[in-house]
Protein backbone atom coordinates (compact mmCIF):
# COMPACT_ATOMS: atom_id res chain seq x y z
CA MET A 1 -134.34 73.18 -24.14
CA LYS A 2 -136.36 73.87 -21.54
CA GLY A 3 -138.86 75.78 -23.47
CA ARG A 4 -139.94 72.82 -25.34
CA GLY A 5 -140.39 71.10 -22.17
CA LEU A 6 -143.25 73.60 -21.43
CA SER A 7 -147.06 72.65 -21.63
CA LEU A 8 -149.45 73.97 -24.15
CA LYS A 9 -152.19 74.98 -20.89
CA LEU A 10 -148.83 76.70 -19.73
CA LYS A 11 -147.60 78.34 -22.94
CA ILE A 12 -151.33 79.23 -23.23
CA ASN A 13 -151.42 81.00 -19.78
CA LEU A 14 -148.31 82.62 -20.56
CA VAL A 15 -149.53 83.83 -23.58
CA LEU A 16 -152.51 85.13 -21.89
CA GLY A 17 -150.59 86.74 -19.16
CA LEU A 18 -148.30 88.91 -21.87
CA LEU A 19 -151.43 89.80 -23.68
CA LEU A 20 -153.15 91.43 -20.32
CA VAL A 21 -150.37 93.31 -20.26
CA SER A 22 -149.38 94.23 -23.64
CA ILE A 23 -153.14 95.60 -23.48
CA LEU A 24 -152.70 97.59 -20.62
CA LEU A 25 -149.47 99.50 -22.48
CA CYS A 26 -151.46 99.30 -26.02
CA TRP A 27 -154.16 101.25 -24.04
CA VAL A 28 -151.81 103.99 -22.55
CA SER A 29 -150.30 104.68 -26.06
CA PHE A 30 -153.52 104.90 -27.32
CA TYR A 31 -154.71 107.33 -24.97
CA THR A 32 -151.78 109.66 -25.48
CA ARG A 33 -151.91 109.17 -29.27
CA ALA A 34 -155.11 109.92 -29.83
CA ASN A 35 -155.43 113.62 -30.03
CA ASN A 36 -153.55 113.52 -32.94
CA ALA A 37 -155.01 110.09 -35.34
CA ILE A 38 -158.33 111.98 -34.42
CA GLU A 39 -157.03 115.31 -35.75
CA GLU A 40 -155.28 113.63 -38.56
CA SER A 41 -158.95 112.01 -39.43
CA ALA A 42 -160.11 115.65 -39.78
CA GLU A 43 -157.84 117.09 -41.49
CA ASN A 44 -158.17 113.73 -44.16
CA LEU A 45 -161.67 113.94 -44.53
CA VAL A 46 -161.92 118.05 -44.57
CA THR A 47 -159.50 117.38 -47.53
CA GLN A 48 -161.18 115.03 -49.47
CA VAL A 49 -164.33 116.91 -48.77
CA SER A 50 -162.96 120.21 -50.62
CA GLY A 51 -161.30 118.20 -53.25
CA ARG A 52 -164.66 116.75 -54.01
CA VAL A 53 -166.89 119.69 -53.99
CA SER A 54 -164.10 121.89 -55.67
CA ASP A 55 -164.44 119.70 -58.41
CA LEU A 56 -167.46 119.99 -58.57
CA VAL A 57 -168.00 124.12 -58.62
CA TYR A 58 -164.69 123.76 -61.54
CA THR A 59 -166.39 121.62 -63.79
CA THR A 60 -169.75 123.27 -63.35
CA PHE A 61 -167.75 126.37 -63.78
CA LEU A 62 -166.44 124.93 -67.19
CA TYR A 63 -169.10 123.92 -68.31
CA LEU A 64 -170.77 127.30 -68.00
CA GLU A 65 -168.12 129.20 -69.31
CA HIS A 66 -168.09 127.20 -72.58
CA THR A 67 -171.74 127.41 -73.12
CA ALA A 68 -171.37 131.44 -72.41
CA MET A 69 -168.61 131.37 -75.23
CA VAL A 70 -170.77 129.34 -77.90
CA LEU A 71 -173.75 131.19 -76.98
CA SER A 72 -172.41 134.53 -77.56
CA THR A 73 -170.38 133.62 -80.62
CA SER A 74 -173.10 132.64 -82.29
CA GLN A 75 -174.87 134.03 -85.44
CA THR A 76 -177.96 133.10 -84.37
CA VAL A 77 -177.92 135.07 -81.28
CA THR A 78 -177.44 138.22 -82.39
CA GLU A 79 -179.46 138.35 -85.58
CA LEU A 80 -182.08 137.73 -82.15
CA LEU A 81 -181.28 140.36 -80.90
CA ALA A 82 -181.34 142.83 -83.56
CA GLU A 83 -184.67 140.78 -84.79
CA GLU A 84 -188.15 143.14 -84.90
CA ASP A 85 -190.19 140.78 -86.77
CA PRO A 86 -192.49 138.98 -84.17
CA LEU A 87 -192.66 135.82 -86.06
CA VAL A 88 -188.93 135.44 -87.33
CA TYR A 89 -188.35 136.74 -83.58
CA TYR A 90 -189.99 133.65 -81.88
CA ALA A 91 -188.34 131.18 -84.60
CA LEU A 92 -185.06 132.27 -83.81
CA ARG A 93 -185.99 132.03 -79.97
CA ASP A 94 -186.30 128.48 -80.34
CA GLN A 95 -183.11 127.73 -81.79
CA VAL A 96 -181.10 129.88 -79.39
CA VAL A 97 -182.79 128.09 -76.26
CA ALA A 98 -182.19 124.57 -78.34
CA LEU A 99 -178.63 125.66 -79.30
CA ALA A 100 -178.48 126.24 -75.44
CA ASP A 101 -180.05 122.82 -74.68
CA SER A 102 -177.11 121.62 -76.77
CA VAL A 103 -173.78 122.69 -75.64
CA TYR A 104 -174.79 122.87 -71.91
CA GLN A 105 -175.55 119.88 -69.66
CA THR A 106 -178.50 118.60 -68.60
CA ASN A 107 -178.17 118.08 -65.18
CA GLY A 108 -175.90 121.82 -64.75
CA LEU A 109 -176.58 123.99 -61.86
CA VAL A 110 -177.50 127.00 -63.31
CA ASP A 111 -181.12 127.90 -62.77
CA ASP A 112 -182.05 130.65 -65.57
CA ILE A 113 -180.36 131.51 -68.63
CA VAL A 114 -181.94 135.09 -70.12
CA LEU A 115 -180.11 137.02 -73.19
CA TYR A 116 -180.37 140.75 -72.91
CA ASP A 117 -180.04 143.32 -75.45
CA THR A 118 -178.46 147.05 -74.83
CA GLN A 119 -181.99 148.62 -73.99
CA GLY A 120 -182.89 146.11 -71.42
CA ASN A 121 -184.60 143.74 -73.31
CA PHE A 122 -184.55 140.48 -72.00
CA CYS A 123 -185.88 136.70 -73.62
CA ARG A 124 -185.26 133.86 -71.75
CA LEU A 125 -184.09 130.76 -72.48
CA ARG A 126 -183.70 128.46 -69.56
CA GLY A 127 -185.52 128.86 -65.69
CA ASP A 128 -188.45 130.72 -64.73
CA LEU A 129 -186.70 133.87 -63.38
CA GLY A 130 -189.66 136.32 -62.88
CA ASN A 131 -190.58 139.83 -64.78
CA THR A 132 -189.47 141.88 -61.46
CA ALA A 133 -186.12 139.76 -61.15
CA ALA A 134 -185.29 139.73 -64.97
CA THR A 135 -185.77 143.34 -65.40
CA ARG A 136 -184.03 143.90 -62.00
CA MET A 137 -181.36 142.46 -63.31
CA SER A 138 -181.41 144.50 -67.13
CA TYR A 139 -180.19 147.04 -64.73
CA LEU A 140 -177.12 145.54 -63.56
CA VAL A 141 -175.67 144.08 -66.32
CA PRO A 142 -174.32 147.20 -67.89
CA SER A 143 -172.66 147.41 -64.87
CA GLN A 144 -170.76 143.85 -65.28
CA THR A 145 -167.63 143.89 -67.01
CA LEU A 146 -167.05 141.42 -70.10
CA MET A 147 -167.00 137.71 -68.77
CA GLN A 148 -167.23 138.66 -65.08
CA HIS A 149 -168.80 136.60 -62.32
CA GLY A 150 -170.70 138.12 -59.29
CA ILE A 151 -173.25 137.69 -56.99
CA VAL A 152 -176.75 139.72 -57.11
CA THR A 153 -179.41 139.14 -54.75
CA LEU A 154 -183.20 139.40 -56.97
CA GLU A 155 -186.44 138.96 -54.92
CA GLY A 156 -184.95 137.93 -51.60
CA ASP A 157 -182.94 134.98 -53.66
CA THR A 158 -179.03 134.94 -53.95
CA TYR A 159 -177.49 134.31 -56.87
CA LEU A 160 -174.14 133.69 -58.37
CA SER A 161 -174.12 134.91 -61.87
CA TYR A 162 -172.08 135.35 -64.91
CA THR A 163 -172.40 137.74 -67.87
CA ILE A 164 -170.70 137.79 -71.06
CA GLU A 165 -171.07 139.96 -74.23
CA VAL A 166 -172.64 139.58 -77.40
CA VAL A 167 -170.27 141.59 -79.53
CA ASP A 168 -171.03 141.87 -83.71
CA GLN A 169 -168.77 143.59 -85.53
CA GLY A 170 -166.10 144.96 -82.74
CA HIS A 171 -169.83 146.59 -80.45
CA CYS A 172 -171.60 145.22 -77.77
CA VAL A 173 -175.27 144.24 -78.92
CA GLY A 174 -176.58 142.32 -75.85
CA TYR A 175 -175.03 140.15 -73.24
CA VAL A 176 -176.00 136.34 -71.95
CA VAL A 177 -176.38 135.44 -68.51
CA PHE A 178 -176.21 132.75 -66.53
CA LEU A 179 -178.06 132.73 -62.64
CA MET A 180 -177.25 130.03 -60.22
CA GLU A 181 -179.23 130.01 -56.67
CA THR A 182 -176.29 129.39 -53.63
CA THR A 183 -179.74 127.47 -51.27
CA ARG A 184 -179.31 124.81 -53.84
CA LEU A 185 -175.69 124.66 -54.23
CA GLN A 186 -175.18 124.68 -51.21
CA ASN A 187 -177.54 121.55 -50.85
CA ILE A 188 -175.40 120.04 -53.26
CA PHE A 189 -172.39 120.72 -50.74
CA ALA A 190 -174.12 119.44 -47.80
CA SER A 191 -174.65 115.76 -49.60
CA TYR A 192 -170.49 115.29 -50.20
CA ASP A 193 -170.21 115.15 -45.91
CA THR A 194 -171.46 112.11 -44.98
CA SER A 195 -170.35 112.82 -41.17
CA GLY A 196 -173.09 115.51 -40.85
CA LEU A 197 -170.57 117.25 -39.06
CA LEU A 198 -168.66 119.05 -41.09
CA SER A 199 -169.29 122.72 -43.15
CA VAL A 200 -169.42 123.28 -46.79
CA ASP A 201 -170.14 126.63 -48.04
CA LEU A 202 -169.03 129.00 -50.95
CA VAL A 203 -166.50 132.46 -49.90
CA ALA A 204 -166.65 135.65 -52.29
CA ASP A 205 -164.84 138.34 -50.64
CA GLY A 206 -164.22 136.85 -47.52
CA ALA A 207 -167.84 136.22 -47.10
CA LEU A 208 -169.79 133.08 -46.43
CA LEU A 209 -172.62 132.98 -49.31
CA SER A 210 -174.91 130.81 -47.29
CA GLY A 211 -173.86 132.31 -43.55
CA GLU A 212 -176.69 135.14 -42.14
CA THR A 213 -175.62 138.53 -43.10
CA GLY A 214 -172.92 139.95 -40.63
CA VAL A 215 -172.25 136.87 -39.17
CA TYR A 216 -169.99 134.59 -40.66
CA THR A 217 -167.13 135.56 -42.50
CA THR A 218 -163.67 133.51 -43.61
CA ALA A 219 -161.29 134.80 -40.64
CA GLU A 220 -164.07 134.03 -37.92
CA VAL A 221 -164.23 130.59 -39.45
CA ILE A 222 -160.93 130.29 -39.52
CA GLU A 223 -159.94 131.60 -35.98
CA THR A 224 -162.71 129.33 -34.37
CA ALA A 225 -162.61 126.06 -36.78
CA ASN A 226 -160.54 123.11 -35.45
CA THR A 227 -159.22 122.36 -39.45
CA TYR A 228 -160.63 123.67 -42.42
CA SER A 229 -159.73 123.67 -46.39
CA LEU A 230 -159.69 126.66 -48.74
CA THR A 231 -159.42 126.66 -52.46
CA SER A 232 -160.54 128.66 -54.61
CA ILE A 233 -162.23 127.81 -58.07
CA GLY A 234 -159.89 128.72 -61.04
CA SER A 235 -160.44 132.10 -61.77
CA SER A 236 -163.34 133.00 -60.09
CA PRO A 237 -163.45 135.33 -57.76
CA PHE A 238 -165.29 132.11 -55.15
CA SER A 239 -163.69 129.78 -52.90
CA VAL A 240 -164.95 126.41 -51.28
CA LEU A 241 -164.80 126.52 -47.59
CA VAL A 242 -164.72 123.75 -45.89
CA TRP A 243 -164.45 123.41 -41.81
CA ASP A 244 -164.79 121.51 -39.02
CA ASP A 245 -165.85 123.40 -35.32
CA GLY A 246 -164.63 120.43 -33.44
CA GLY A 247 -167.72 118.50 -33.36
CA LEU A 248 -165.98 115.70 -35.70
CA ASN A 249 -162.91 115.18 -33.10
CA ASP A 250 -166.00 115.07 -29.99
CA GLN A 251 -167.79 112.20 -31.69
CA ILE A 252 -164.96 110.21 -33.60
CA PHE A 253 -162.68 110.67 -29.59
CA GLU A 254 -165.92 109.00 -28.40
CA TYR A 255 -166.35 105.96 -30.11
CA PHE A 256 -162.80 105.22 -30.25
CA VAL A 257 -162.83 105.29 -26.40
CA LEU A 258 -165.93 103.30 -26.24
CA ILE A 259 -164.44 100.48 -28.62
CA GLY A 260 -161.64 100.65 -26.81
CA LEU A 261 -163.53 100.09 -23.74
CA VAL A 262 -165.11 97.36 -24.64
CA ILE A 263 -162.74 95.80 -26.63
CA THR A 264 -160.38 95.45 -23.40
CA ALA A 265 -163.66 94.13 -21.91
CA LEU A 266 -164.10 91.84 -24.14
CA LEU A 267 -160.43 90.23 -24.03
CA LEU A 268 -160.76 89.88 -20.70
CA LEU A 269 -163.46 88.13 -20.19
CA LEU A 270 -162.26 85.93 -23.47
CA MET A 271 -159.14 85.32 -21.68
CA GLY A 272 -160.26 85.17 -17.73
CA GLY A 273 -163.29 82.16 -18.93
CA SER A 274 -162.44 80.91 -22.40
CA TYR A 275 -158.72 79.47 -22.42
CA ARG A 276 -159.70 76.01 -21.25
CA LEU A 277 -162.40 75.26 -24.39
CA LEU A 278 -160.49 77.44 -27.03
CA ASN A 279 -157.25 75.09 -25.91
CA ARG A 280 -159.56 72.02 -26.57
CA LEU A 281 -161.08 73.25 -29.53
CA VAL A 282 -159.21 75.51 -31.21
CA PHE A 283 -155.59 75.42 -30.44
CA THR A 284 -154.62 71.60 -30.32
CA PRO A 285 -156.26 70.84 -33.39
CA MET A 286 -154.63 74.36 -34.79
CA LEU A 287 -151.14 72.67 -33.79
CA ARG A 288 -152.32 69.71 -35.63
CA LEU A 289 -153.14 71.20 -38.91
CA MET A 290 -150.55 72.81 -38.90
CA TYR A 291 -148.01 69.98 -38.54
CA ASN A 292 -149.94 68.53 -41.15
CA ALA A 293 -149.23 70.95 -43.33
CA LYS A 294 -145.27 71.60 -43.11
CA GLU A 295 -146.01 67.81 -43.59
CA VAL A 296 -147.48 68.28 -46.73
CA GLU A 297 -145.11 71.82 -47.89
CA GLN A 298 -141.85 69.06 -46.98
CA ASP A 299 -143.44 66.04 -49.40
CA PRO A 300 -144.54 67.44 -53.20
CA SER A 301 -146.12 63.75 -54.04
CA ARG A 302 -148.74 64.27 -51.16
CA LEU A 303 -151.27 66.97 -51.37
CA LEU A 304 -153.92 66.23 -49.02
CA LEU A 305 -154.65 67.14 -45.45
CA ASP A 306 -155.07 64.14 -42.75
CA MET A 307 -157.98 64.40 -40.24
CA THR A 308 -157.70 66.45 -37.49
CA GLY A 309 -160.50 64.82 -35.25
CA GLN A 310 -162.17 68.11 -34.59
CA LEU A 311 -165.80 68.14 -36.11
CA GLU A 312 -165.05 72.15 -37.38
CA PHE A 313 -161.25 71.81 -38.43
CA ASP A 314 -161.76 68.65 -40.39
CA GLN A 315 -164.41 70.64 -42.39
CA LEU A 316 -162.34 73.13 -42.91
CA VAL A 317 -159.53 70.00 -43.88
CA ALA A 318 -162.27 68.61 -46.31
CA GLN A 319 -163.04 71.73 -48.15
CA PHE A 320 -159.06 72.38 -49.02
CA ASN A 321 -158.65 69.29 -49.85
CA HIS A 322 -161.90 69.72 -52.17
CA LEU A 323 -160.44 72.96 -53.48
CA ILE A 324 -157.01 70.90 -54.19
CA GLY A 325 -158.68 68.81 -56.90
CA GLN A 326 -160.57 71.35 -58.62
CA LEU A 327 -157.38 73.59 -59.21
CA GLU A 328 -156.32 72.41 -62.75
CA GLU A 329 -160.11 73.00 -63.33
CA ARG A 330 -160.09 76.50 -61.77
CA THR A 331 -156.76 77.56 -63.50
CA GLN A 332 -158.26 76.14 -67.08
CA ALA A 333 -161.38 78.56 -66.67
CA ALA A 334 -159.15 81.36 -66.09
CA PHE A 335 -157.41 81.35 -69.24
CA GLN A 336 -160.26 80.60 -71.22
CA LEU A 337 -161.31 83.97 -69.43
CA GLU A 338 -157.86 85.91 -70.10
CA ARG A 339 -158.87 85.08 -73.67
CA THR A 340 -162.69 86.08 -73.59
CA VAL A 341 -161.41 89.40 -71.92
CA HIS A 342 -158.23 89.54 -74.34
CA ALA A 343 -161.34 90.12 -77.41
CA THR A 344 -164.25 91.61 -75.98
CA GLU A 345 -160.80 94.80 -75.40
CA LEU A 346 -160.00 94.21 -78.85
CA GLU A 347 -163.57 94.71 -79.86
CA ARG A 348 -164.10 97.55 -77.78
CA GLN A 349 -160.69 99.21 -79.21
CA THR A 350 -162.72 98.99 -82.46
CA ALA A 351 -165.94 99.64 -81.61
CA ILE A 352 -164.08 103.26 -79.87
CA VAL A 353 -162.56 104.24 -83.33
CA ALA A 354 -166.01 103.85 -85.46
CA SER A 355 -167.99 106.04 -82.97
CA LEU A 356 -165.24 108.73 -82.92
CA LYS A 357 -165.42 108.83 -86.51
CA LYS A 358 -169.30 109.38 -86.33
CA GLN A 359 -169.00 112.32 -84.17
CA ILE A 360 -166.43 113.82 -86.05
CA ASN A 361 -168.93 113.53 -89.40
CA ALA A 362 -171.87 114.47 -87.03
CA HIS A 363 -170.19 117.67 -85.56
CA PHE A 364 -169.24 118.85 -89.49
CA THR A 365 -172.67 118.03 -91.16
CA VAL A 366 -174.28 119.94 -88.35
CA ASN A 367 -172.01 122.67 -88.46
CA THR A 368 -172.25 122.92 -92.27
CA LEU A 369 -176.55 122.83 -91.95
CA ALA A 370 -176.30 125.48 -89.98
CA VAL A 371 -174.39 127.67 -92.48
CA ILE A 372 -176.87 126.58 -95.26
CA ARG A 373 -179.91 127.42 -92.99
CA GLY A 374 -178.01 131.20 -92.18
CA LEU A 375 -177.35 132.27 -95.51
CA ASN A 376 -181.08 130.76 -96.27
CA ARG A 377 -182.70 133.30 -93.56
CA GLN A 378 -180.67 135.82 -95.55
CA GLY A 379 -181.93 135.10 -99.34
CA GLU A 380 -178.70 134.08 -100.50
CA THR A 381 -180.69 131.20 -102.59
CA GLU A 382 -177.44 131.21 -105.11
CA LYS A 383 -175.33 130.58 -102.25
CA VAL A 384 -177.23 128.04 -100.46
CA ALA A 385 -177.76 125.88 -104.13
CA LYS A 386 -173.66 125.69 -104.33
CA LEU A 387 -173.53 125.07 -100.37
CA SER A 388 -176.17 122.15 -100.88
CA ASP A 389 -174.27 120.29 -103.61
CA GLY A 390 -170.58 120.85 -101.79
CA LEU A 391 -172.82 119.79 -98.85
CA ALA A 392 -173.54 116.35 -100.76
CA HIS A 393 -170.18 116.09 -102.06
CA LEU A 394 -168.69 116.27 -98.56
CA LEU A 395 -171.15 113.75 -97.48
CA ARG A 396 -170.20 111.37 -100.06
CA TYR A 397 -166.83 111.84 -98.93
CA ALA A 398 -167.05 111.53 -95.21
CA TYR A 399 -169.02 108.63 -95.01
CA ASP A 400 -167.24 106.37 -98.18
CA GLY A 401 -166.41 103.05 -96.75
CA ASP A 402 -162.98 103.53 -97.15
CA GLU A 403 -161.28 104.53 -94.00
CA SER A 404 -158.34 105.49 -95.54
CA ILE A 405 -157.63 108.60 -98.34
CA SER A 406 -154.62 109.41 -99.62
CA CYS A 407 -152.90 113.13 -98.56
CA LEU A 408 -153.41 115.13 -101.55
CA SER A 409 -157.16 114.19 -101.72
CA GLU A 410 -157.93 115.00 -98.20
CA VAL A 411 -156.29 118.61 -99.03
CA ILE A 412 -158.45 118.91 -102.23
CA ILE A 413 -161.56 118.41 -99.83
CA LEU A 414 -160.20 120.84 -97.72
CA GLU A 415 -159.96 123.51 -100.30
CA ARG A 416 -163.87 122.80 -101.39
CA TYR A 417 -164.45 123.37 -97.54
CA ALA A 418 -162.97 126.11 -96.99
CA THR A 419 -164.73 127.53 -100.01
CA MET A 420 -167.94 126.86 -98.41
CA MET A 421 -166.66 128.92 -94.91
CA GLN A 422 -165.87 131.83 -97.37
CA ILE A 423 -168.96 132.15 -98.86
CA ARG A 424 -170.72 131.89 -94.87
CA TYR A 425 -167.84 134.24 -93.88
CA PRO A 426 -166.96 137.00 -97.01
CA ASP A 427 -163.64 139.03 -96.66
CA ARG A 428 -162.52 137.03 -93.17
CA PHE A 429 -160.22 135.09 -94.69
CA THR A 430 -157.90 133.68 -97.78
CA ALA A 431 -156.76 130.05 -97.69
CA ASP A 432 -153.72 128.27 -98.87
CA PHE A 433 -153.71 124.47 -98.75
CA ASP A 434 -150.30 122.03 -100.27
CA VAL A 435 -148.38 119.64 -99.38
CA ASP A 436 -145.07 118.16 -100.33
CA CYS A 437 -145.28 115.99 -103.94
CA ASP A 438 -143.69 113.16 -101.41
CA ILE A 439 -146.77 112.29 -99.89
CA GLU A 440 -149.67 113.35 -102.19
CA GLU A 441 -150.01 109.43 -102.34
CA VAL A 442 -149.62 108.42 -98.88
CA SER A 443 -152.70 107.29 -97.03
CA MET A 444 -153.73 108.69 -93.81
CA PRO A 445 -157.37 108.91 -91.97
CA ARG A 446 -160.74 110.28 -93.16
CA MET A 447 -161.65 113.71 -91.36
CA LEU A 448 -158.98 114.31 -89.44
CA LEU A 449 -158.24 117.52 -90.54
CA GLN A 450 -161.56 119.44 -91.22
CA PRO A 451 -162.34 120.57 -87.21
CA ILE A 452 -158.92 122.04 -86.88
CA LEU A 453 -159.60 124.56 -90.31
CA GLU A 454 -162.87 125.11 -88.20
CA ASN A 455 -161.64 125.92 -85.28
CA ALA A 456 -159.60 128.42 -87.08
CA ILE A 457 -162.15 130.05 -89.04
CA VAL A 458 -165.15 129.92 -86.69
CA HIS A 459 -163.16 130.95 -83.34
CA GLY A 460 -160.37 132.28 -84.24
CA PHE A 461 -161.20 134.55 -86.84
CA ALA A 462 -164.73 135.38 -85.20
CA ASN A 463 -165.37 139.25 -85.72
CA GLN A 464 -161.93 139.82 -87.83
CA THR A 465 -161.63 140.24 -91.97
CA GLY A 466 -158.82 139.76 -94.34
CA CYS A 467 -157.31 136.84 -91.78
CA HIS A 468 -155.16 133.77 -93.45
CA LEU A 469 -155.00 130.10 -93.33
CA THR A 470 -152.42 127.58 -94.15
CA LEU A 471 -151.90 124.24 -94.36
CA TRP A 472 -148.58 122.46 -94.70
CA GLY A 473 -148.32 118.87 -95.09
CA GLU A 474 -144.53 117.24 -95.45
CA LYS A 475 -142.98 114.12 -94.24
CA VAL A 476 -140.31 114.53 -91.09
CA HIS A 477 -138.17 111.40 -90.77
CA ASN A 478 -140.85 109.16 -91.51
CA THR A 479 -143.52 110.77 -90.02
CA LEU A 480 -146.38 112.77 -91.35
CA CYS A 481 -147.13 116.57 -90.24
CA PHE A 482 -149.60 118.74 -90.90
CA THR A 483 -149.01 122.18 -90.10
CA ILE A 484 -151.92 124.37 -90.10
CA THR A 485 -151.72 128.34 -89.71
CA ASP A 486 -153.73 130.89 -88.71
CA ASP A 487 -153.31 134.39 -88.07
CA GLY A 488 -156.78 135.21 -85.67
CA HIS A 489 -157.29 135.78 -81.99
CA GLY A 490 -154.68 133.36 -80.84
CA MET A 491 -155.32 132.30 -76.68
CA PRO A 492 -154.08 132.94 -73.62
CA VAL A 493 -151.50 130.97 -71.99
CA ASP A 494 -153.90 129.71 -69.34
CA LYS A 495 -156.38 128.59 -71.71
CA LEU A 496 -153.34 127.03 -73.82
CA LYS A 497 -151.58 125.18 -71.15
CA SER A 498 -155.07 123.81 -69.92
CA LEU A 499 -156.36 122.81 -74.29
CA GLN A 500 -152.98 120.91 -73.78
CA ASP A 501 -152.97 119.38 -71.28
CA THR A 502 -156.65 117.89 -72.26
CA ILE A 503 -155.54 116.83 -75.52
CA ASN A 504 -152.00 115.25 -73.41
CA ALA A 505 -154.10 113.57 -71.19
CA VAL A 506 -156.31 111.34 -74.30
CA THR A 507 -155.42 107.33 -74.48
CA PRO A 508 -156.76 105.11 -76.31
CA THR A 509 -158.36 103.48 -73.28
CA SER A 510 -159.61 107.15 -71.35
CA HIS A 511 -162.87 107.50 -70.99
CA ASN A 512 -165.35 111.18 -70.86
CA PRO A 513 -168.47 110.48 -69.08
CA ASP A 514 -169.75 113.36 -70.87
CA GLY A 515 -168.52 112.24 -74.31
CA LEU A 516 -165.80 113.69 -77.00
CA LYS A 517 -168.55 116.37 -78.02
CA GLN A 518 -167.01 118.83 -76.02
CA ILE A 519 -163.66 119.56 -76.94
CA ALA A 520 -162.85 119.24 -81.39
CA LEU A 521 -159.50 118.69 -80.83
CA ALA A 522 -159.78 115.98 -77.80
CA ASN A 523 -161.85 113.90 -80.35
CA ILE A 524 -159.04 114.04 -83.10
CA GLN A 525 -156.23 113.30 -80.11
CA LYS A 526 -158.57 110.11 -79.77
CA ARG A 527 -158.97 109.20 -82.42
CA VAL A 528 -155.32 109.15 -83.41
CA VAL A 529 -154.12 107.18 -80.49
CA THR A 530 -156.59 104.73 -80.80
CA ASP A 531 -155.48 103.72 -84.50
CA TYR A 532 -151.79 104.31 -83.73
CA GLY A 533 -151.06 104.24 -80.18
CA MET A 534 -149.16 106.72 -78.22
CA GLY A 535 -146.74 109.04 -79.58
CA PHE A 536 -148.44 110.98 -82.12
CA GLY A 537 -151.33 113.56 -82.49
CA LEU A 538 -151.26 117.02 -81.84
CA THR A 539 -149.46 119.93 -80.51
CA ILE A 540 -150.65 123.16 -80.00
CA GLU A 541 -148.70 126.62 -80.05
CA SER A 542 -150.48 129.99 -80.11
CA GLN A 543 -150.02 133.84 -78.41
CA GLU A 544 -152.90 135.78 -78.19
CA GLY A 545 -153.26 138.07 -80.39
CA GLU A 546 -151.00 137.21 -83.00
CA GLY A 547 -152.68 133.33 -84.11
CA THR A 548 -151.93 129.59 -83.51
CA THR A 549 -150.23 126.78 -84.91
CA VAL A 550 -151.97 123.44 -84.97
CA THR A 551 -149.53 120.42 -85.88
CA LEU A 552 -150.64 116.58 -86.71
CA THR A 553 -148.26 113.47 -86.47
CA LEU A 554 -149.48 110.45 -88.23
CA PRO A 555 -147.19 107.55 -88.97
CA CYS A 556 -145.84 107.40 -92.44
CA GLY A 557 -146.24 103.93 -94.16
């Protein structure tokens, strides 16, 4: 009861007094905890920068390794290394350059791509590496093992290198070398720290690549750094090291102290000289407004607030009352917007399906034309004619207006495709295709299985002969199940896991900023989940040296 008799002025004085005491206590607590908070902030910043930089380097290495694999397995590259006719050589070089540009991102960090034969002759595919440096690199290439990362110094510049052999019929016929300047990479690293107080570097064998020789090592940094993060980059010999030598802590602590002193001084001035003005202009109108709002809450039929007699608060009351009047209109507008967004999403899904199908068709066409071009160079005119007729037939099939096709018709088309590929790769493989009679007339999307066969033939059977490919389609528990098995190279465990994780991560709304042109199986999975939803799609089983089995499931009916 006594508390209710206290005047508002006395209440304000009591509150201000308690606030002053609280400020002193908070300041003491702040001072004792500041160091812990600063260290946590520094660790969080180091972790964030390390994560972003590691992702950048890892992604760059993935693109690089993908490009290396495409070039090293290209028949055009093999022919270029063996070609002696200058006119044919330069024509093949232009094709290889176009191939490298098509598979490697235009803004990639690789500065130079150089092709070497086993005699040390070189051909630049990208960059402007000098002749002396390129010749020097030719002496280093044979000493490196297959698919090896390394560090080389050419004409005073340090490069990260990546070398892969080009093998033809089991024999090394040359090398593809990728070079990336460490100074360029370091400039990119520096841009990831907006504070300017962290150091970011690439580490190999315990040494910092951009540090002065003999001055910085990983052990020295770890010993002197206030906080650090060392992250390995995939299976490469490199790691990303991000560290703070204490400058970040000192600057943050200075900011904390300065902000604390300024806030304390301002609070003391405000509380000591302006509480009467606050009482008249703020607290009294605020209390009146609070009581008025409570009355409105208790009376559902009353929607508008009364004026307080204070200009600023009356403006707030008038705005509130105006918003109440517009509430119904805004509710209707929100409902209409929701319907529009829903319609837009449906249109976007339809566009995704069309885009995915076009990408698969384009991928198929380009690869088939490459086969025809290769045979034409070899003078196989009869085979070229057969392939041209077959391609015309397959293109009419692929671009048919009907989105679906019977399972039996799809398998017949795939048999035509396999026959064309057997012309391109004589003695490489035999194939058996069949479907259960129960699903012969069941509909399925066009061009869904062809990229899987292409992967098996081009990659699974690369540099092999006498391989075998089977395709079997059947109905399992009201589900279409297609199993494609090959006895080719197979995949190592880590590559298989990475590929399956990529496929499992595909959703109808997922988006790849570089498009779906890098991984054909992810392209297929995107199309399946877009058409039929999650729960269907691809499953891969593989064992290195024994072969691969890809299973595609679709709803039946």
